[in-house]
């Protein structure tokens, strides 16, 4: 598969790296009209962005208390105990 075919495959068929299901990649109701509000009143637009940041803590708390997070910690500790290397990556957002 050449690079053009690989790129096309990624765009059309790759599911592992699509971000649609991540909560951090979803539209936030508080910012649905951000562009219009910021045009009318920059200070109001910035306030909305800061208000959205306040929503991080309850969502993070829920994630840290989840069984999936416990499993992640367990896997990481197991890797450390075995002397394996752990690499982190993100979507870059």
PDB file of N, CA and C in Angstrom:
ATOM      1  N   UNK A   1       0.863  -1.177   0.000  1.00  0.00           N
ATOM      2  CA  UNK A   1       0.000   0.000   0.000  1.00  0.00           C
ATOM      3  C   UNK A   1       0.907   1.238   0.000  1.00  0.00           C
ATOM      4  N   UNK A   2       0.737   2.117  -0.986  1.00  0.00           N
ATOM      5  CA  UNK A   2       1.555   3.330  -1.026  1.00  0.00           C
ATOM      6  C   UNK A   2       1.007   4.391  -0.063  1.00  0.00           C
ATOM      7  N   UNK A   3       1.712   5.497   0.091  1.00  0.00           N
ATOM      8  CA  UNK A   3       1.314   6.497   1.080  1.00  0.00           C
ATOM      9  C   UNK A   3      -0.054   7.095   0.777  1.00  0.00           C
ATOM     10  N   UNK A   4      -0.404   7.217  -0.492  1.00  0.00           N
ATOM     11  CA  UNK A   4      -1.712   7.773  -0.831  1.00  0.00           C
ATOM     12  C   UNK A   4      -2.832   6.808  -0.444  1.00  0.00           C
ATOM     13  N   UNK A   5      -2.604   5.541  -0.682  1.00  0.00           N
ATOM     14  CA  UNK A   5      -3.586   4.528  -0.298  1.00  0.00           C
ATOM     15  C   UNK A   5      -3.693   4.434   1.225  1.00  0.00           C
ATOM     16  N   UNK A   6      -2.556   4.542   1.909  1.00  0.00           N
ATOM     17  CA  UNK A   6      -2.571   4.516   3.372  1.00  0.00           C
ATOM     18  C   UNK A   6      -3.353   5.709   3.928  1.00  0.00           C
ATOM     19  N   UNK A   7      -3.143   6.872   3.343  1.00  0.00           N
ATOM     20  CA  UNK A   7      -3.868   8.065   3.793  1.00  0.00           C
ATOM     21  C   UNK A   7      -5.368   7.910   3.552  1.00  0.00           C
ATOM     22  N   UNK A   8      -5.725   7.403   2.392  1.00  0.00           N
ATOM     23  CA  UNK A   8      -7.138   7.196   2.078  1.00  0.00           C
ATOM     24  C   UNK A   8      -7.755   6.182   3.027  1.00  0.00           C
ATOM     25  N   UNK A   9      -7.026   5.112   3.319  1.00  0.00           N
ATOM     26  CA  UNK A   9      -7.498   4.100   4.265  1.00  0.00           C
ATOM     27  C   UNK A   9      -7.737   4.730   5.637  1.00  0.00           C
ATOM     28  N   UNK A  10      -6.814   5.559   6.073  1.00  0.00           N
ATOM     29  CA  UNK A  10      -6.949   6.209   7.373  1.00  0.00           C
ATOM     30  C   UNK A  10      -8.208   7.073   7.418  1.00  0.00           C
ATOM     31  N   UNK A  11      -8.428   7.837   6.383  1.00  0.00           N
ATOM     32  CA  UNK A  11      -9.587   8.741   6.337  1.00  0.00           C
ATOM     33  C   UNK A  11     -10.900   7.965   6.300  1.00  0.00           C
ATOM     34  N   UNK A  12     -10.955   6.919   5.517  1.00  0.00           N
ATOM     35  CA  UNK A  12     -12.222   6.221   5.281  1.00  0.00           C
ATOM     36  C   UNK A  12     -12.500   5.047   6.220  1.00  0.00           C
ATOM     37  N   UNK A  13     -11.447   4.359   6.667  1.00  0.00           N
ATOM     38  CA  UNK A  13     -11.687   3.099   7.355  1.00  0.00           C
ATOM     39  C   UNK A  13     -11.098   2.992   8.760  1.00  0.00           C
ATOM     40  N   UNK A  14     -10.087   3.755   9.062  1.00  0.00           N
ATOM     41  CA  UNK A  14      -9.420   3.640  10.364  1.00  0.00           C
ATOM     42  C   UNK A  14     -10.364   4.083  11.474  1.00  0.00           C
ATOM     43  N   UNK A  15     -10.564   3.255  12.452  1.00  0.00           N
ATOM     44  CA  UNK A  15     -11.471   3.576  13.556  1.00  0.00           C
ATOM     45  C   UNK A  15     -10.727   3.865  14.852  1.00  0.00           C
ATOM     46  N   UNK A  16      -9.547   3.305  15.021  1.00  0.00           N
ATOM     47  CA  UNK A  16      -8.815   3.432  16.277  1.00  0.00           C
ATOM     48  C   UNK A  16      -8.510   4.888  16.617  1.00  0.00           C
ATOM     49  N   UNK A  17      -8.232   5.718  15.621  1.00  0.00           N
ATOM     50  CA  UNK A  17      -7.782   7.074  15.890  1.00  0.00           C
ATOM     51  C   UNK A  17      -8.852   8.136  15.671  1.00  0.00           C
ATOM     52  N   UNK A  18     -10.049   7.731  15.302  1.00  0.00           N
ATOM     53  CA  UNK A  18     -11.118   8.717  15.171  1.00  0.00           C
ATOM     54  C   UNK A  18     -11.551   9.148  16.570  1.00  0.00           C
ATOM     55  N   UNK A  19     -11.761  10.426  16.751  1.00  0.00           N
ATOM     56  CA  UNK A  19     -11.969  10.968  18.093  1.00  0.00           C
ATOM     57  C   UNK A  19     -13.440  11.202  18.435  1.00  0.00           C
ATOM     58  N   UNK A  20     -14.334  10.750  17.602  1.00  0.00           N
ATOM     59  CA  UNK A  20     -15.740  11.055  17.789  1.00  0.00           C
ATOM     60  C   UNK A  20     -16.348  10.609  19.101  1.00  0.00           C
ATOM     61  N   UNK A  21     -15.837   9.543  19.705  1.00  0.00           N
ATOM     62  CA  UNK A  21     -16.435   9.039  20.932  1.00  0.00           C
ATOM     63  C   UNK A  21     -15.810   9.622  22.198  1.00  0.00           C
ATOM     64  N   UNK A  22     -14.719  10.340  22.056  1.00  0.00           N
ATOM     65  CA  UNK A  22     -14.090  10.926  23.238  1.00  0.00           C
ATOM     66  C   UNK A  22     -14.912  12.094  23.740  1.00  0.00           C
ATOM     67  N   UNK A  23     -15.156  12.123  25.028  1.00  0.00           N
ATOM     68  CA  UNK A  23     -15.970  13.203  25.592  1.00  0.00           C
ATOM     69  C   UNK A  23     -15.321  14.564  25.362  1.00  0.00           C
ATOM     70  N   UNK A  24     -13.996  14.588  25.330  1.00  0.00           N
ATOM     71  CA  UNK A  24     -13.290  15.850  25.127  1.00  0.00           C
ATOM     72  C   UNK A  24     -13.394  16.354  23.699  1.00  0.00           C
ATOM     73  N   UNK A  25     -13.878  15.518  22.782  1.00  0.00           N
ATOM     74  CA  UNK A  25     -14.004  15.925  21.390  1.00  0.00           C
ATOM     75  C   UNK A  25     -15.456  16.223  21.002  1.00  0.00           C
ATOM     76  N   UNK A  26     -16.336  16.246  21.968  1.00  0.00           N
ATOM     77  CA  UNK A  26     -17.749  16.526  21.708  1.00  0.00           C
ATOM     78  C   UNK A  26     -18.016  18.028  21.806  1.00  0.00           C
ATOM     79  N   UNK A  27     -19.038  18.475  21.116  1.00  0.00           N
ATOM     80  CA  UNK A  27     -19.469  19.873  21.236  1.00  0.00           C
ATOM     81  C   UNK A  27     -19.984  20.102  22.657  1.00  0.00           C
ATOM     82  N   UNK A  28     -19.717  21.265  23.196  1.00  0.00           N
ATOM     83  CA  UNK A  28     -20.196  21.602  24.538  1.00  0.00           C
ATOM     84  C   UNK A  28     -21.371  22.564  24.387  1.00  0.00           C
ATOM     85  N   UNK A  29     -22.472  22.301  25.075  1.00  0.00           N
ATOM     86  CA  UNK A  29     -23.653  23.159  24.928  1.00  0.00           C
ATOM     87  C   UNK A  29     -23.376  24.631  25.261  1.00  0.00           C
ATOM     88  N   UNK A  30     -22.474  24.871  26.190  1.00  0.00           N
ATOM     89  CA  UNK A  30     -22.189  26.265  26.576  1.00  0.00           C
ATOM     90  C   UNK A  30     -21.472  27.047  25.478  1.00  0.00           C
ATOM     91  N   UNK A  31     -20.820  26.347  24.550  1.00  0.00           N
ATOM     92  CA  UNK A  31     -20.057  27.050  23.513  1.00  0.00           C
ATOM     93  C   UNK A  31     -20.664  26.886  22.125  1.00  0.00           C
ATOM     94  N   UNK A  32     -21.913  26.442  22.050  1.00  0.00           N
ATOM     95  CA  UNK A  32     -22.529  26.196  20.742  1.00  0.00           C
ATOM     96  C   UNK A  32     -22.632  27.463  19.896  1.00  0.00           C
ATOM     97  N   UNK A  33     -22.763  28.608  20.527  1.00  0.00           N
ATOM     98  CA  UNK A  33     -22.849  29.869  19.784  1.00  0.00           C
ATOM     99  C   UNK A  33     -21.668  30.792  20.107  1.00  0.00           C
ATOM    100  N   UNK A  34     -20.532  30.194  20.452  1.00  0.00           N
ATOM    101  CA  UNK A  34     -19.371  30.968  20.886  1.00  0.00           C
ATOM    102  C   UNK A  34     -18.921  31.983  19.848  1.00  0.00           C
ATOM    103  N   UNK A  35     -18.827  31.588  18.590  1.00  0.00           N
ATOM    104  CA  UNK A  35     -18.315  32.513  17.573  1.00  0.00           C
ATOM    105  C   UNK A  35     -19.182  33.764  17.470  1.00  0.00           C
ATOM    106  N   UNK A  36     -20.492  33.588  17.536  1.00  0.00           N
ATOM    107  CA  UNK A  36     -21.387  34.757  17.467  1.00  0.00           C
ATOM    108  C   UNK A  36     -21.268  35.625  18.721  1.00  0.00           C
ATOM    109  N   UNK A  37     -21.229  34.979  19.866  1.00  0.00           N
ATOM    110  CA  UNK A  37     -21.156  35.730  21.121  1.00  0.00           C
ATOM    111  C   UNK A  37     -19.847  36.485  21.254  1.00  0.00           C
ATOM    112  N   UNK A  38     -18.759  35.871  20.790  1.00  0.00           N
ATOM    113  CA  UNK A  38     -17.460  36.521  20.914  1.00  0.00           C
ATOM    114  C   UNK A  38     -17.364  37.710  19.950  1.00  0.00           C
ATOM    115  N   UNK A  39     -18.053  37.612  18.818  1.00  0.00           N
ATOM    116  CA  UNK A  39     -18.101  38.752  17.880  1.00  0.00           C
ATOM    117  C   UNK A  39     -18.813  39.935  18.522  1.00  0.00           C
ATOM    118  N   UNK A  40     -19.880  39.631  19.248  1.00  0.00           N
ATOM    119  CA  UNK A  40     -20.670  40.695  19.877  1.00  0.00           C
ATOM    120  C   UNK A  40     -19.990  41.250  21.126  1.00  0.00           C
ATOM    121  N   UNK A  41     -19.366  40.346  21.899  1.00  0.00           N
ATOM    122  CA  UNK A  41     -18.786  40.769  23.172  1.00  0.00           C
ATOM    123  C   UNK A  41     -17.645  39.818  23.529  1.00  0.00           C
ATOM    124  N   UNK A  42     -16.418  40.264  23.298  1.00  0.00           N
ATOM    125  CA  UNK A  42     -15.248  39.415  23.541  1.00  0.00           C
ATOM    126  C   UNK A  42     -15.181  38.962  24.989  1.00  0.00           C
ATOM    127  N   UNK A  43     -15.465  39.854  25.915  1.00  0.00           N
ATOM    128  CA  UNK A  43     -15.403  39.510  27.342  1.00  0.00           C
ATOM    129  C   UNK A  43     -16.408  38.397  27.667  1.00  0.00           C
ATOM    130  N   UNK A  44     -17.587  38.473  27.098  1.00  0.00           N
ATOM    131  CA  UNK A  44     -18.600  37.436  27.301  1.00  0.00           C
ATOM    132  C   UNK A  44     -18.121  36.099  26.735  1.00  0.00           C
ATOM    133  N   UNK A  45     -17.493  36.127  25.563  1.00  0.00           N
ATOM    134  CA  UNK A  45     -16.981  34.908  24.960  1.00  0.00           C
ATOM    135  C   UNK A  45     -15.904  34.248  25.807  1.00  0.00           C
ATOM    136  N   UNK A  46     -14.999  35.051  26.348  1.00  0.00           N
ATOM    137  CA  UNK A  46     -13.946  34.513  27.211  1.00  0.00           C
ATOM    138  C   UNK A  46     -14.554  33.943  28.482  1.00  0.00           C
ATOM    139  N   UNK A  47     -15.568  34.595  29.031  1.00  0.00           N
ATOM    140  CA  UNK A  47     -16.234  34.084  30.237  1.00  0.00           C
ATOM    141  C   UNK A  47     -16.843  32.710  29.978  1.00  0.00           C
ATOM    142  N   UNK A  48     -17.437  32.534  28.814  1.00  0.00           N
ATOM    143  CA  UNK A  48     -18.023  31.236  28.460  1.00  0.00           C
ATOM    144  C   UNK A  48     -16.939  30.156  28.431  1.00  0.00           C
ATOM    145  N   UNK A  49     -15.795  30.471  27.828  1.00  0.00           N
ATOM    146  CA  UNK A  49     -14.693  29.498  27.775  1.00  0.00           C
ATOM    147  C   UNK A  49     -14.219  29.129  29.175  1.00  0.00           C
ATOM    148  N   UNK A  50     -14.135  30.112  30.056  1.00  0.00           N
ATOM    149  CA  UNK A  50     -13.721  29.839  31.431  1.00  0.00           C
ATOM    150  C   UNK A  50     -14.777  29.030  32.179  1.00  0.00           C
ATOM    151  N   UNK A  51     -16.050  29.292  31.904  1.00  0.00           N
ATOM    152  CA  UNK A  51     -17.134  28.523  32.524  1.00  0.00           C
ATOM    153  C   UNK A  51     -17.051  27.048  32.131  1.00  0.00           C
ATOM    154  N   UNK A  52     -16.705  26.780  30.880  1.00  0.00           N
ATOM    155  CA  UNK A  52     -16.572  25.402  30.413  1.00  0.00           C
ATOM    156  C   UNK A  52     -15.473  24.683  31.193  1.00  0.00           C
ATOM    157  N   UNK A  53     -14.398  25.395  31.499  1.00  0.00           N
ATOM    158  CA  UNK A  53     -13.306  24.784  32.274  1.00  0.00           C
ATOM    159  C   UNK A  53     -13.780  24.281  33.629  1.00  0.00           C
ATOM    160  N   UNK A  54     -14.780  24.915  34.208  1.00  0.00           N
ATOM    161  CA  UNK A  54     -15.302  24.476  35.504  1.00  0.00           C
ATOM    162  C   UNK A  54     -15.973  23.102  35.415  1.00  0.00           C
ATOM    163  N   UNK A  55     -16.366  22.712  34.220  1.00  0.00           N
ATOM    164  CA  UNK A  55     -17.004  21.408  34.028  1.00  0.00           C
ATOM    165  C   UNK A  55     -15.992  20.257  34.008  1.00  0.00           C
ATOM    166  N   UNK A  56     -14.717  20.591  33.931  1.00  0.00           N
ATOM    167  CA  UNK A  56     -13.680  19.560  33.851  1.00  0.00           C
ATOM    168  C   UNK A  56     -13.648  18.715  35.118  1.00  0.00           C
ATOM    169  N   UNK A  57     -13.727  19.338  36.266  1.00  0.00           N
ATOM    170  CA  UNK A  57     -13.525  18.626  37.525  1.00  0.00           C
ATOM    171  C   UNK A  57     -14.524  17.505  37.785  1.00  0.00           C
ATOM    172  N   UNK A  58     -15.823  17.730  37.632  1.00  0.00           N
ATOM    173  CA  UNK A  58     -16.741  16.601  37.861  1.00  0.00           C
ATOM    174  C   UNK A  58     -16.562  15.471  36.848  1.00  0.00           C
ATOM    175  N   UNK A  59     -16.254  15.809  35.596  1.00  0.00           N
ATOM    176  CA  UNK A  59     -16.053  14.781  34.581  1.00  0.00           C
ATOM    177  C   UNK A  59     -14.778  13.997  34.874  1.00  0.00           C
ATOM    178  N   UNK A  60     -13.721  14.710  35.257  1.00  0.00           N
ATOM    179  CA  UNK A  60     -12.458  14.035  35.608  1.00  0.00           C
ATOM    180  C   UNK A  60     -12.661  13.137  36.822  1.00  0.00           C
ATOM    181  N   UNK A  61     -13.372  13.637  37.807  1.00  0.00           N
ATOM    182  CA  UNK A  61     -13.626  12.829  39.007  1.00  0.00           C
ATOM    183  C   UNK A  61     -14.342  11.526  38.646  1.00  0.00           C
ATOM    184  N   UNK A  62     -15.330  11.638  37.799  1.00  0.00           N
ATOM    185  CA  UNK A  62     -16.074  10.452  37.362  1.00  0.00           C
ATOM    186  C   UNK A  62     -15.142   9.472  36.639  1.00  0.00           C
ATOM    187  N   UNK A  63     -14.258   9.989  35.800  1.00  0.00           N
ATOM    188  CA  UNK A  63     -13.321   9.123  35.079  1.00  0.00           C
ATOM    189  C   UNK A  63     -12.357   8.440  36.045  1.00  0.00           C
ATOM    190  N   UNK A  64     -11.844   9.177  37.022  1.00  0.00           N
ATOM    191  CA  UNK A  64     -10.875   8.615  37.961  1.00  0.00           C
ATOM    192  C   UNK A  64     -11.500   7.584  38.906  1.00  0.00           C
ATOM    193  N   UNK A  65     -12.803   7.617  39.064  1.00  0.00           N
ATOM    194  CA  UNK A  65     -13.488   6.653  39.916  1.00  0.00           C
ATOM    195  C   UNK A  65     -14.034   5.453  39.130  1.00  0.00           C
ATOM    196  N   UNK A  66     -13.765   5.418  37.837  1.00  0.00           N
ATOM    197  CA  UNK A  66     -14.338   4.369  36.986  1.00  0.00           C
ATOM    198  C   UNK A  66     -13.528   3.077  37.036  1.00  0.00           C
ATOM    199  N   UNK A  67     -14.179   1.960  36.730  1.00  0.00           N
ATOM    200  CA  UNK A  67     -13.461   0.676  36.648  1.00  0.00           C
ATOM    201  C   UNK A  67     -12.387   0.691  35.553  1.00  0.00           C
ATOM    202  N   UNK A  68     -12.636   1.427  34.478  1.00  0.00           N
ATOM    203  CA  UNK A  68     -11.656   1.511  33.398  1.00  0.00           C
ATOM    204  C   UNK A  68     -10.365   2.167  33.873  1.00  0.00           C
ATOM    205  N   UNK A  69     -10.489   3.186  34.714  1.00  0.00           N
ATOM    206  CA  UNK A  69      -9.293   3.850  35.253  1.00  0.00           C
ATOM    207  C   UNK A  69      -8.542   2.910  36.189  1.00  0.00           C
ATOM    208  N   UNK A  70      -9.281   2.182  37.018  1.00  0.00           N
ATOM    209  CA  UNK A  70      -8.639   1.194  37.890  1.00  0.00           C
ATOM    210  C   UNK A  70      -7.865   0.164  37.070  1.00  0.00           C
ATOM    211  N   UNK A  71      -8.456  -0.274  35.964  1.00  0.00           N
ATOM    212  CA  UNK A  71      -7.779  -1.245  35.105  1.00  0.00           C
ATOM    213  C   UNK A  71      -6.515  -0.627  34.498  1.00  0.00           C
ATOM    214  N   UNK A  72      -6.605   0.619  34.067  1.00  0.00           N
ATOM    215  CA  UNK A  72      -5.442   1.310  33.516  1.00  0.00           C
ATOM    216  C   UNK A  72      -4.304   1.357  34.523  1.00  0.00           C
ATOM    217  N   UNK A  73      -4.615   1.737  35.742  1.00  0.00           N
ATOM    218  CA  UNK A  73      -3.597   1.804  36.799  1.00  0.00           C
ATOM    219  C   UNK A  73      -2.989   0.431  37.036  1.00  0.00           C
ATOM    220  N   UNK A  74      -3.813  -0.587  37.053  1.00  0.00           N
ATOM    221  CA  UNK A  74      -3.334  -1.948  37.261  1.00  0.00           C
ATOM    222  C   UNK A  74      -2.366  -2.373  36.151  1.00  0.00           C
ATOM    223  N   UNK A  75      -2.723  -2.080  34.919  1.00  0.00           N
ATOM    224  CA  UNK A  75      -1.870  -2.436  33.787  1.00  0.00           C
ATOM    225  C   UNK A  75      -0.548  -1.675  33.846  1.00  0.00           C
ATOM    226  N   UNK A  76      -0.606  -0.400  34.185  1.00  0.00           N
ATOM    227  CA  UNK A  76       0.620   0.406  34.293  1.00  0.00           C
ATOM    228  C   UNK A  76       1.525  -0.150  35.387  1.00  0.00           C
ATOM    229  N   UNK A  77       0.961  -0.431  36.546  1.00  0.00           N
ATOM    230  CA  UNK A  77       1.770  -0.970  37.645  1.00  0.00           C
ATOM    231  C   UNK A  77       2.371  -2.326  37.280  1.00  0.00           C
ATOM    232  N   UNK A  78       1.606  -3.141  36.586  1.00  0.00           N
ATOM    233  CA  UNK A  78       2.104  -4.441  36.135  1.00  0.00           C
ATOM    234  C   UNK A  78       3.289  -4.261  35.179  1.00  0.00           C
ATOM    235  N   UNK A  79       3.181  -3.298  34.270  1.00  0.00           N
ATOM    236  CA  UNK A  79       4.282  -3.018  33.341  1.00  0.00           C
ATOM    237  C   UNK A  79       5.521  -2.555  34.098  1.00  0.00           C
ATOM    238  N   UNK A  80       5.329  -1.680  35.066  1.00  0.00           N
ATOM    239  CA  UNK A  80       6.457  -1.174  35.853  1.00  0.00           C
ATOM    240  C   UNK A  80       7.119  -2.311  36.621  1.00  0.00           C
ATOM    241  N   UNK A  81       6.292  -3.148  37.237  1.00  0.00           N
ATOM    242  CA  UNK A  81       6.829  -4.289  37.997  1.00  0.00           C
ATOM    243  C   UNK A  81       7.672  -5.216  37.123  1.00  0.00           C
ATOM    244  N   UNK A  82       7.280  -5.358  35.854  1.00  0.00           N
ATOM    245  CA  UNK A  82       8.010  -6.243  34.936  1.00  0.00           C
ATOM    246  C   UNK A  82       9.202  -5.542  34.284  1.00  0.00           C
ATOM    247  N   UNK A  83       9.366  -4.242  34.557  1.00  0.00           N
ATOM    248  CA  UNK A  83      10.474  -3.497  33.963  1.00  0.00           C
ATOM    249  C   UNK A  83      10.244  -3.112  32.515  1.00  0.00           C
ATOM    250  N   UNK A  84       8.989  -3.148  32.100  1.00  0.00           N
ATOM    251  CA  UNK A  84       8.667  -2.785  30.715  1.00  0.00           C
ATOM    252  C   UNK A  84       8.618  -1.271  30.537  1.00  0.00           C
ATOM    253  N   UNK A  85       8.669  -0.846  29.300  1.00  0.00           N
ATOM    254  CA  UNK A  85       8.594   0.570  28.957  1.00  0.00           C
ATOM    255  C   UNK A  85       7.134   0.955  28.730  1.00  0.00           C
ATOM    256  N   UNK A  86       6.763   2.127  29.194  1.00  0.00           N
ATOM    257  CA  UNK A  86       5.416   2.652  28.998  1.00  0.00           C
ATOM    258  C   UNK A  86       5.548   3.917  28.155  1.00  0.00           C
ATOM    259  N   UNK A  87       4.804   3.967  27.072  1.00  0.00           N
ATOM    260  CA  UNK A  87       4.809   5.147  26.192  1.00  0.00           C
ATOM    261  C   UNK A  87       3.412   5.746  26.182  1.00  0.00           C
ATOM    262  N   UNK A  88       3.340   7.051  26.339  1.00  0.00           N
ATOM    263  CA  UNK A  88       2.064   7.752  26.291  1.00  0.00           C
ATOM    264  C   UNK A  88       1.985   8.558  24.990  1.00  0.00           C
ATOM    265  N   UNK A  89       0.811   8.619  24.420  1.00  0.00           N
ATOM    266  CA  UNK A  89       0.587   9.483  23.271  1.00  0.00           C
ATOM    267  C   UNK A  89      -0.807  10.077  23.408  1.00  0.00           C
ATOM    268  N   UNK A  90      -1.058  11.108  22.651  1.00  0.00           N
ATOM    269  CA  UNK A  90      -2.380  11.734  22.716  1.00  0.00           C
ATOM    270  C   UNK A  90      -2.761  12.246  21.334  1.00  0.00           C
ATOM    271  N   UNK A  91      -3.942  12.803  21.263  1.00  0.00           N
ATOM    272  CA  UNK A  91      -4.409  13.325  19.987  1.00  0.00           C
ATOM    273  C   UNK A  91      -3.770  14.671  19.673  1.00  0.00           C
ATOM    274  N   UNK A  92      -3.075  15.255  20.620  1.00  0.00           N
ATOM    275  CA  UNK A  92      -2.380  16.503  20.378  1.00  0.00           C
ATOM    276  C   UNK A  92      -3.247  17.734  20.565  1.00  0.00           C
ATOM    277  N   UNK A  93      -4.505  17.542  20.934  1.00  0.00           N
ATOM    278  CA  UNK A  93      -5.370  18.690  21.142  1.00  0.00           C
ATOM    279  C   UNK A  93      -4.956  19.423  22.386  1.00  0.00           C
TER     280      UNK A  93
END
